[in-house]
C-alpha cells in the first residue's frame, strides 16, 4: 500500500539524514515521498474525502516533524514551506 510506504519513508528520512536543515529535509520529502503519493491516481483525481485525508495525513506528519515547525498550524507550515494541499487546490 503506497501510504504505508510513504509513512515508512518519512521515518527513514528522519532516521538517516544527519542534517536538520529544513531545505534538505524538504528536498528528501519531495524526492522520496511525494512522488510516491502523486503517482497514485486518487491524488490526481480525488473523488473521496477519505482519499484526500489519507494523502494530507502524510504531509501533515512530515511537516510537523521539521525543526521549528512543531508548534505551527498545518496551514502555517504549508504556507511557510510553500507546499500545496491536495484538498482541491487549497
N, C-alpha and C. Protein backbone atom coordinates (compact mmCIF):
# COMPACT_ATOMS: atom_id res chain seq x y z
N UNK A 1 0.85 -1.19 0.00
CA UNK A 1 0.00 0.00 0.00
C UNK A 1 0.89 1.25 0.00
N UNK A 2 0.68 2.16 -0.94
CA UNK A 2 1.55 3.34 -1.07
C UNK A 2 1.61 4.23 0.15
N UNK A 3 0.50 4.44 0.87
CA UNK A 3 0.53 5.34 2.01
C UNK A 3 1.34 4.76 3.16
N UNK A 4 1.27 3.48 3.37
CA UNK A 4 2.09 2.85 4.39
C UNK A 4 3.55 3.02 4.04
N UNK A 5 3.88 2.83 2.81
CA UNK A 5 5.24 3.02 2.35
C UNK A 5 5.69 4.47 2.51
N UNK A 6 4.79 5.41 2.30
CA UNK A 6 5.12 6.83 2.45
C UNK A 6 5.46 7.14 3.90
N UNK A 7 4.67 6.63 4.84
CA UNK A 7 4.97 6.84 6.26
C UNK A 7 6.31 6.21 6.63
N UNK A 8 6.58 5.06 6.09
CA UNK A 8 7.86 4.40 6.36
C UNK A 8 9.02 5.22 5.81
N UNK A 9 8.83 5.79 4.65
CA UNK A 9 9.89 6.61 4.05
C UNK A 9 10.14 7.88 4.85
N UNK A 10 9.10 8.48 5.39
CA UNK A 10 9.28 9.66 6.24
C UNK A 10 10.12 9.30 7.45
N UNK A 11 9.78 8.20 8.09
CA UNK A 11 10.57 7.76 9.25
C UNK A 11 12.01 7.49 8.87
N UNK A 12 12.22 6.89 7.73
CA UNK A 12 13.57 6.60 7.26
C UNK A 12 14.36 7.88 7.01
N UNK A 13 13.73 8.88 6.43
CA UNK A 13 14.40 10.17 6.19
C UNK A 13 14.88 10.77 7.50
N UNK A 14 14.02 10.80 8.50
CA UNK A 14 14.40 11.42 9.78
C UNK A 14 15.42 10.57 10.54
N UNK A 15 15.45 9.28 10.30
CA UNK A 15 16.44 8.44 10.98
C UNK A 15 17.80 8.48 10.31
N UNK A 16 17.85 8.65 8.99
CA UNK A 16 19.12 8.53 8.27
C UNK A 16 19.77 9.85 7.89
N UNK A 17 19.00 10.90 7.67
CA UNK A 17 19.58 12.18 7.27
C UNK A 17 20.11 12.87 8.53
N UNK A 18 21.40 13.10 8.57
CA UNK A 18 22.04 13.69 9.74
C UNK A 18 21.68 15.17 9.87
N UNK A 19 21.66 15.87 8.76
CA UNK A 19 21.35 17.30 8.78
C UNK A 19 19.91 17.54 9.18
N UNK A 20 19.68 18.60 9.90
CA UNK A 20 18.31 19.00 10.26
C UNK A 20 17.95 20.29 9.53
N UNK A 21 18.64 20.52 8.42
CA UNK A 21 18.33 21.66 7.57
C UNK A 21 16.98 21.42 6.90
N UNK A 22 16.05 22.34 7.11
CA UNK A 22 14.69 22.18 6.61
C UNK A 22 14.67 22.05 5.09
N UNK A 23 15.50 22.82 4.40
CA UNK A 23 15.54 22.75 2.94
C UNK A 23 15.96 21.36 2.46
N UNK A 24 16.95 20.79 3.11
CA UNK A 24 17.42 19.46 2.73
C UNK A 24 16.37 18.39 3.03
N UNK A 25 15.74 18.49 4.20
CA UNK A 25 14.70 17.52 4.55
C UNK A 25 13.50 17.63 3.61
N UNK A 26 13.14 18.86 3.25
CA UNK A 26 12.03 19.08 2.33
C UNK A 26 12.36 18.50 0.95
N UNK A 27 13.59 18.66 0.53
CA UNK A 27 14.01 18.09 -0.76
C UNK A 27 13.94 16.56 -0.73
N UNK A 28 14.34 15.96 0.39
CA UNK A 28 14.24 14.50 0.53
C UNK A 28 12.78 14.07 0.50
N UNK A 29 11.92 14.82 1.14
CA UNK A 29 10.48 14.50 1.15
C UNK A 29 9.91 14.55 -0.27
N UNK A 30 10.19 15.62 -0.99
CA UNK A 30 9.62 15.74 -2.34
C UNK A 30 10.20 14.69 -3.28
N UNK A 31 11.44 14.30 -3.06
CA UNK A 31 12.07 13.31 -3.92
C UNK A 31 11.62 11.89 -3.62
N UNK A 32 11.58 11.52 -2.35
CA UNK A 32 11.35 10.13 -1.99
C UNK A 32 9.95 9.79 -1.52
N UNK A 33 9.16 10.80 -1.13
CA UNK A 33 7.83 10.50 -0.59
C UNK A 33 6.73 11.06 -1.49
N UNK A 34 6.84 12.32 -1.81
CA UNK A 34 5.75 12.98 -2.55
C UNK A 34 5.48 12.36 -3.89
N UNK A 35 6.51 11.96 -4.60
CA UNK A 35 6.29 11.34 -5.91
C UNK A 35 5.51 10.04 -5.76
N UNK A 36 5.72 9.35 -4.65
CA UNK A 36 5.00 8.12 -4.38
C UNK A 36 3.51 8.40 -4.22
N UNK A 37 3.19 9.48 -3.53
CA UNK A 37 1.79 9.85 -3.33
C UNK A 37 1.15 10.37 -4.62
N UNK A 38 1.91 11.14 -5.37
CA UNK A 38 1.36 11.74 -6.59
C UNK A 38 1.21 10.72 -7.70
N UNK A 39 1.91 9.62 -7.60
CA UNK A 39 1.78 8.56 -8.61
C UNK A 39 0.44 7.85 -8.48
N UNK A 40 -0.12 7.87 -7.28
CA UNK A 40 -1.41 7.24 -7.02
C UNK A 40 -2.51 8.03 -7.72
N UNK A 41 -3.36 7.39 -8.47
CA UNK A 41 -4.39 8.08 -9.24
C UNK A 41 -5.41 8.80 -8.37
N UNK A 42 -5.60 8.35 -7.14
CA UNK A 42 -6.56 9.03 -6.26
C UNK A 42 -6.12 10.46 -5.96
N UNK A 43 -4.84 10.73 -6.05
CA UNK A 43 -4.34 12.08 -5.79
C UNK A 43 -4.65 12.99 -6.96
N UNK A 44 -4.50 12.48 -8.16
CA UNK A 44 -4.74 13.30 -9.34
C UNK A 44 -6.21 13.64 -9.50
N UNK A 45 -7.06 12.73 -9.09
CA UNK A 45 -8.49 12.96 -9.20
C UNK A 45 -9.19 12.43 -7.95
N UNK A 46 -8.97 13.09 -6.83
CA UNK A 46 -9.56 12.57 -5.59
C UNK A 46 -11.07 12.72 -5.60
N UNK A 47 -11.77 11.63 -5.49
CA UNK A 47 -13.23 11.70 -5.51
C UNK A 47 -13.80 11.50 -4.12
N UNK A 48 -13.02 10.93 -3.23
CA UNK A 48 -13.49 10.68 -1.88
C UNK A 48 -12.71 11.53 -0.88
N UNK A 49 -13.43 12.06 0.08
CA UNK A 49 -12.77 12.83 1.14
C UNK A 49 -11.74 11.96 1.85
N UNK A 50 -12.02 10.68 1.95
CA UNK A 50 -11.11 9.72 2.58
C UNK A 50 -9.76 9.68 1.86
N UNK A 51 -9.77 9.73 0.52
CA UNK A 51 -8.51 9.73 -0.25
C UNK A 51 -7.70 10.99 0.03
N UNK A 52 -8.38 12.12 0.05
CA UNK A 52 -7.71 13.39 0.30
C UNK A 52 -7.11 13.40 1.70
N UNK A 53 -7.88 12.95 2.67
CA UNK A 53 -7.43 12.92 4.06
C UNK A 53 -6.21 12.03 4.22
N UNK A 54 -6.18 10.90 3.55
CA UNK A 54 -5.04 9.98 3.65
C UNK A 54 -3.76 10.62 3.15
N UNK A 55 -3.84 11.30 2.03
CA UNK A 55 -2.67 11.95 1.45
C UNK A 55 -2.22 13.12 2.31
N UNK A 56 -3.16 13.93 2.78
CA UNK A 56 -2.82 15.07 3.63
C UNK A 56 -2.19 14.62 4.94
N UNK A 57 -2.60 13.47 5.44
CA UNK A 57 -2.07 12.95 6.70
C UNK A 57 -0.56 12.73 6.61
N UNK A 58 -0.10 12.24 5.48
CA UNK A 58 1.33 12.01 5.27
C UNK A 58 2.07 13.34 5.30
N UNK A 59 1.57 14.32 4.59
CA UNK A 59 2.22 15.63 4.52
C UNK A 59 2.19 16.33 5.88
N UNK A 60 1.09 16.20 6.62
CA UNK A 60 1.00 16.78 7.96
C UNK A 60 2.06 16.18 8.88
N UNK A 61 2.18 14.85 8.84
CA UNK A 61 3.14 14.15 9.69
C UNK A 61 4.57 14.63 9.41
N UNK A 62 4.90 14.74 8.13
CA UNK A 62 6.26 15.17 7.77
C UNK A 62 6.53 16.58 8.23
N UNK A 63 5.63 17.52 7.91
CA UNK A 63 5.89 18.92 8.23
C UNK A 63 5.93 19.17 9.73
N UNK A 64 5.17 18.42 10.51
CA UNK A 64 5.17 18.60 11.96
C UNK A 64 6.50 18.18 12.57
N UNK A 65 7.21 17.27 11.93
CA UNK A 65 8.48 16.79 12.46
C UNK A 65 9.66 17.68 12.08
N UNK A 66 9.44 18.64 11.20
CA UNK A 66 10.53 19.54 10.80
C UNK A 66 10.93 20.45 11.96
N UNK A 67 12.22 20.70 12.13
CA UNK A 67 12.69 21.58 13.21
C UNK A 67 12.08 22.98 13.08
N UNK A 68 11.50 23.46 14.16
CA UNK A 68 10.93 24.80 14.18
C UNK A 68 9.48 24.88 13.73
N UNK A 69 8.89 23.78 13.32
CA UNK A 69 7.52 23.80 12.79
C UNK A 69 6.53 23.03 13.66
N UNK A 70 6.99 22.45 14.75
CA UNK A 70 6.14 21.60 15.58
C UNK A 70 4.93 22.34 16.14
N UNK A 71 5.10 23.59 16.54
CA UNK A 71 4.01 24.33 17.18
C UNK A 71 3.20 25.18 16.21
N UNK A 72 3.51 25.11 14.94
CA UNK A 72 2.74 25.86 13.93
C UNK A 72 1.54 25.04 13.49
N UNK A 73 0.50 25.72 13.05
CA UNK A 73 -0.65 25.00 12.50
C UNK A 73 -0.26 24.43 11.14
N UNK A 74 -1.03 23.46 10.68
CA UNK A 74 -0.73 22.85 9.38
C UNK A 74 -0.79 23.88 8.27
N UNK A 75 -1.74 24.80 8.33
CA UNK A 75 -1.83 25.84 7.30
C UNK A 75 -0.59 26.72 7.29
N UNK A 76 -0.11 27.09 8.47
CA UNK A 76 1.12 27.90 8.55
C UNK A 76 2.32 27.13 8.01
N UNK A 77 2.42 25.87 8.39
CA UNK A 77 3.54 25.06 7.90
C UNK A 77 3.50 24.96 6.39
N UNK A 78 2.32 24.68 5.84
CA UNK A 78 2.18 24.57 4.38
C UNK A 78 2.55 25.87 3.69
N UNK A 79 2.07 26.97 4.24
CA UNK A 79 2.34 28.28 3.63
C UNK A 79 3.83 28.61 3.70
N UNK A 80 4.45 28.42 4.86
CA UNK A 80 5.87 28.74 5.05
C UNK A 80 6.78 27.85 4.22
N UNK A 81 6.38 26.60 4.02
CA UNK A 81 7.21 25.66 3.25
C UNK A 81 6.85 25.66 1.78
N UNK A 82 5.83 26.42 1.40
CA UNK A 82 5.38 26.52 0.02
C UNK A 82 4.95 25.15 -0.53
N UNK A 83 4.17 24.43 0.27
CA UNK A 83 3.64 23.14 -0.14
C UNK A 83 2.18 23.28 -0.50
N UNK A 84 1.77 22.54 -1.51
CA UNK A 84 0.36 22.60 -1.91
C UNK A 84 -0.46 21.63 -1.08
N UNK A 85 -1.74 21.90 -1.04
CA UNK A 85 -2.68 21.00 -0.41
C UNK A 85 -3.28 20.14 -1.49
N UNK A 86 -3.65 18.95 -1.15
CA UNK A 86 -4.31 18.08 -2.12
C UNK A 86 -5.82 18.22 -2.01
N UNK A 87 -6.27 19.17 -1.20
CA UNK A 87 -7.69 19.37 -0.97
C UNK A 87 -8.26 20.31 -2.03
N UNK A 88 -8.31 19.83 -3.26
CA UNK A 88 -8.86 20.56 -4.39
C UNK A 88 -8.25 21.94 -4.59
N UNK A 89 -6.90 21.99 -4.51
CA UNK A 89 -6.18 23.21 -4.85
C UNK A 89 -6.09 24.26 -3.77
N UNK A 90 -6.49 23.98 -2.55
CA UNK A 90 -6.39 24.99 -1.48
C UNK A 90 -5.05 24.93 -0.84
